[in-house]
Amino acid sequence: MVLNFKEIVTATMVLFAVIDIIGSIPIIIGLREKAGHINSGKASIIAAIVMIVFLFLGESILKLIGVNVNEFAVAGSLILFFIALEMILGVTLFKEGDTSPDVASIFPLAFPLLAGPGSLTTLLSLRAEYAIQNIIVAILVNIIIIFVVLKTSGRLQRFLGKNGIAVIQKIFGVILLAIAVKLFTSNIQELFN
């Protein structure tokens, strides 16, 4: 098992861009306000487990339930689309069910925000190009970054203030919407081909 630094750096950067933890700060702050607290460690660990399990078993699990990667990505893109609409329009589309810190740390934070359809489908494509151990290191590097951002989101909120967060939320809402549309269009085309 030899680690390849170049593969690790590339896979880390690709995952970092897809996970977009910096762009998710407004969503994290919104979740923290709804739930009162987010368990950063739990969210990070669950996201890591979901990604690593999906790296090894993803295609098999999807085949078992009769879903292909493209259908999975389309479904996930719709969830991201509605989260983006919430951010841009300032409306609540998802039912305010149980917003306890434990539930909010798992859904929608760990899945589908951190270990979502974008990152999971990216893992499957990285697996076709890179060695498994290098992808696992890339996942762990991203999880450390995610943990640090989750831990410091309260300080970021105080630093940015309500207006700063509102502006960032709208901007990143549009970016998340664009990512959702891109994920949807690229995968819906594959379904019809």
Protein backbone atom coordinates (compact mmCIF):
# COMPACT_ATOMS: atom_id res chain seq x y z
CA MET A 1 0.00 0.00 0.00
CA VAL A 2 1.92 3.03 -1.29
CA LEU A 3 0.50 6.52 -0.90
CA ASN A 4 0.75 8.81 -3.91
CA PHE A 5 0.99 12.46 -2.83
CA LYS A 6 -0.16 13.81 -6.21
CA GLU A 7 -3.28 11.59 -6.21
CA ILE A 8 -4.07 12.56 -2.60
CA VAL A 9 -3.78 16.30 -3.36
CA THR A 10 -5.89 16.05 -6.52
CA ALA A 11 -8.59 13.89 -4.88
CA THR A 12 -8.63 16.20 -1.83
CA MET A 13 -9.09 19.29 -4.00
CA VAL A 14 -11.83 17.67 -6.10
CA LEU A 15 -13.73 16.54 -2.99
CA PHE A 16 -13.23 19.93 -1.30
CA ALA A 17 -14.76 21.69 -4.31
CA VAL A 18 -17.72 19.29 -4.47
CA ILE A 19 -18.42 19.22 -0.72
CA ASP A 20 -18.09 23.04 -0.68
CA ILE A 21 -17.96 23.32 3.12
CA ILE A 22 -17.15 27.06 2.89
CA GLY A 23 -20.23 27.62 0.74
CA SER A 24 -22.30 25.64 3.23
CA ILE A 25 -21.50 27.98 6.15
CA PRO A 26 -24.83 29.86 5.81
CA ILE A 27 -26.75 26.55 5.82
CA ILE A 28 -24.77 25.36 8.85
CA ILE A 29 -25.51 28.60 10.70
CA GLY A 30 -29.21 28.30 9.78
CA LEU A 31 -29.27 24.70 11.06
CA ARG A 32 -27.51 25.76 14.25
CA GLU A 33 -30.18 28.43 14.82
CA LYS A 34 -33.03 25.95 14.22
CA ALA A 35 -31.54 23.13 16.30
CA GLY A 36 -29.80 25.28 18.92
CA HIS A 37 -26.60 23.27 18.59
CA ILE A 38 -24.90 21.01 16.06
CA ASN A 39 -22.73 18.11 17.11
CA SER A 40 -19.68 18.82 14.90
CA GLY A 41 -17.87 15.60 15.78
CA LYS A 42 -20.91 13.42 15.14
CA ALA A 43 -21.70 15.12 11.80
CA SER A 44 -18.06 14.79 10.66
CA ILE A 45 -17.76 11.13 11.69
CA ILE A 46 -21.07 10.17 10.06
CA ALA A 47 -20.10 12.02 6.84
CA ALA A 48 -16.74 10.17 6.84
CA ILE A 49 -18.40 6.78 7.42
CA VAL A 50 -20.99 7.41 4.67
CA MET A 51 -18.26 8.44 2.20
CA ILE A 52 -15.89 5.55 2.99
CA VAL A 53 -18.69 2.94 2.95
CA PHE A 54 -20.00 4.39 -0.32
CA LEU A 55 -16.48 4.31 -1.79
CA PHE A 56 -16.37 0.52 -1.26
CA LEU A 57 -20.03 -0.48 -1.57
CA GLY A 58 -21.71 2.39 -3.43
CA GLU A 59 -22.24 0.82 -6.81
CA SER A 60 -23.22 -2.53 -5.26
CA ILE A 61 -25.78 -0.89 -2.93
CA LEU A 62 -27.29 1.11 -5.79
CA LYS A 63 -27.42 -2.00 -8.04
CA LEU A 64 -29.04 -3.99 -5.21
CA ILE A 65 -31.91 -1.50 -4.93
CA GLY A 66 -32.13 -1.13 -8.70
CA VAL A 67 -30.85 2.44 -8.89
CA ASN A 68 -27.92 3.57 -11.00
CA VAL A 69 -25.45 6.34 -10.12
CA ASN A 70 -27.17 8.84 -12.43
CA GLU A 71 -30.61 8.28 -10.88
CA PHE A 72 -29.07 8.66 -7.42
CA ALA A 73 -27.40 11.93 -8.47
CA VAL A 74 -30.65 13.29 -9.96
CA ALA A 75 -32.53 12.54 -6.71
CA GLY A 76 -29.80 14.19 -4.65
CA SER A 77 -29.70 17.21 -6.96
CA LEU A 78 -33.40 17.80 -6.24
CA ILE A 79 -32.71 17.88 -2.48
CA LEU A 80 -29.87 20.37 -3.04
CA PHE A 81 -32.17 22.39 -5.33
CA PHE A 82 -34.77 22.81 -2.57
CA ILE A 83 -32.14 23.65 0.08
CA ALA A 84 -30.83 26.34 -2.32
CA LEU A 85 -34.36 27.72 -2.82
CA GLU A 86 -34.74 27.97 0.96
CA MET A 87 -31.47 29.94 1.14
CA ILE A 88 -32.33 32.33 -1.71
CA LEU A 89 -36.00 32.96 -0.99
CA GLY A 90 -35.83 32.77 2.80
CA VAL A 91 -38.70 30.26 2.91
CA THR A 92 -39.00 26.93 4.66
CA LEU A 93 -39.79 24.06 2.30
CA PHE A 94 -38.69 21.20 4.51
CA LYS A 95 -41.12 20.31 7.28
CA GLU A 96 -39.89 21.50 10.64
CA GLY A 97 -40.05 18.05 12.18
CA ASP A 98 -37.48 17.04 14.73
CA THR A 99 -34.80 19.73 14.74
CA SER A 100 -32.97 18.33 17.73
CA PRO A 101 -29.19 18.73 17.57
CA ASP A 102 -28.71 14.97 17.04
CA VAL A 103 -31.12 14.82 14.09
CA ALA A 104 -29.82 18.07 12.53
CA SER A 105 -26.26 16.75 12.82
CA ILE A 106 -27.23 13.75 10.68
CA PHE A 107 -29.92 15.10 8.32
CA PRO A 108 -29.51 17.38 6.44
CA LEU A 109 -25.94 18.14 7.62
CA ALA A 110 -23.99 14.85 7.37
CA PHE A 111 -26.27 13.70 4.55
CA PRO A 112 -27.01 15.13 1.97
CA LEU A 113 -25.01 18.33 2.60
CA LEU A 114 -21.55 16.93 3.40
CA ALA A 115 -21.76 13.35 2.13
CA GLY A 116 -24.28 14.15 -0.56
CA PRO A 117 -24.96 12.97 -4.08
CA GLY A 118 -22.25 15.22 -5.52
CA SER A 119 -19.51 13.93 -3.24
CA LEU A 120 -20.70 10.31 -3.42
CA THR A 121 -20.84 10.22 -7.22
CA THR A 122 -17.47 12.02 -7.28
CA LEU A 123 -16.05 9.25 -5.09
CA LEU A 124 -17.18 6.65 -7.62
CA SER A 125 -15.49 8.52 -10.46
CA LEU A 126 -12.30 9.07 -8.39
CA ARG A 127 -12.23 5.33 -7.66
CA ALA A 128 -12.00 4.65 -11.39
CA GLU A 129 -8.85 6.80 -11.61
CA TYR A 130 -7.03 6.66 -8.26
CA ALA A 131 -5.91 4.09 -5.69
CA ILE A 132 -8.38 3.48 -2.82
CA GLN A 133 -5.89 4.38 -0.06
CA ASN A 134 -5.23 7.80 -1.64
CA ILE A 135 -8.97 8.52 -1.86
CA ILE A 136 -9.43 7.51 1.81
CA VAL A 137 -6.66 9.95 2.85
CA ALA A 138 -8.39 12.66 0.74
CA ILE A 139 -11.70 11.93 2.50
CA LEU A 140 -10.03 12.16 5.93
CA VAL A 141 -8.32 15.48 5.06
CA ASN A 142 -11.71 16.88 3.99
CA ILE A 143 -13.38 15.58 7.17
CA ILE A 144 -10.79 17.43 9.29
CA ILE A 145 -11.51 20.64 7.34
CA ILE A 146 -15.27 20.05 7.75
CA PHE A 147 -14.86 19.53 11.52
CA VAL A 148 -12.87 22.77 11.90
CA VAL A 149 -15.46 24.77 9.90
CA LEU A 150 -18.36 23.25 11.89
CA LYS A 151 -16.59 23.98 15.18
CA THR A 152 -15.89 27.61 14.24
CA SER A 153 -19.25 28.39 12.58
CA GLY A 154 -20.49 30.09 15.77
CA ARG A 155 -17.51 32.47 15.72
CA LEU A 156 -17.97 33.05 12.01
CA GLN A 157 -21.61 33.94 12.69
CA ARG A 158 -20.62 36.53 15.31
CA PHE A 159 -17.90 37.91 13.01
CA LEU A 160 -20.17 38.25 9.96
CA GLY A 161 -23.30 39.46 11.75
CA LYS A 162 -26.89 38.99 10.56
CA ASN A 163 -26.52 41.11 7.42
CA GLY A 164 -23.24 39.46 6.41
CA ILE A 165 -24.76 36.02 6.81
CA ALA A 166 -27.87 37.04 4.83
CA VAL A 167 -25.71 38.27 1.93
CA ILE A 168 -23.49 35.17 1.97
CA GLN A 169 -26.57 32.95 2.24
CA LYS A 170 -28.10 34.47 -0.91
CA ILE A 171 -24.81 34.28 -2.85
CA PHE A 172 -24.09 30.68 -1.87
CA GLY A 173 -27.76 29.79 -2.36
CA VAL A 174 -27.37 30.76 -6.01
CA ILE A 175 -24.09 28.79 -6.23
CA LEU A 176 -25.73 25.74 -4.62
CA LEU A 177 -28.66 26.12 -7.03
CA ALA A 178 -26.21 26.16 -9.95
CA ILE A 179 -24.46 23.03 -8.61
CA ALA A 180 -27.86 21.31 -8.23
CA VAL A 181 -28.86 22.25 -11.79
CA LYS A 182 -25.47 21.08 -13.16
CA LEU A 183 -25.74 17.80 -11.24
CA PHE A 184 -29.30 17.37 -12.50
CA THR A 185 -28.66 18.20 -16.17
CA SER A 186 -25.46 16.17 -16.53
CA ASN A 187 -27.07 13.10 -14.96
CA ILE A 188 -30.51 13.40 -16.57
CA GLN A 189 -28.77 13.39 -19.98
CA GLU A 190 -27.00 10.17 -19.05
CA LEU A 191 -30.36 8.59 -18.11
CA PHE A 192 -31.81 9.33 -21.54
CA ASN A 193 -28.72 8.21 -23.48
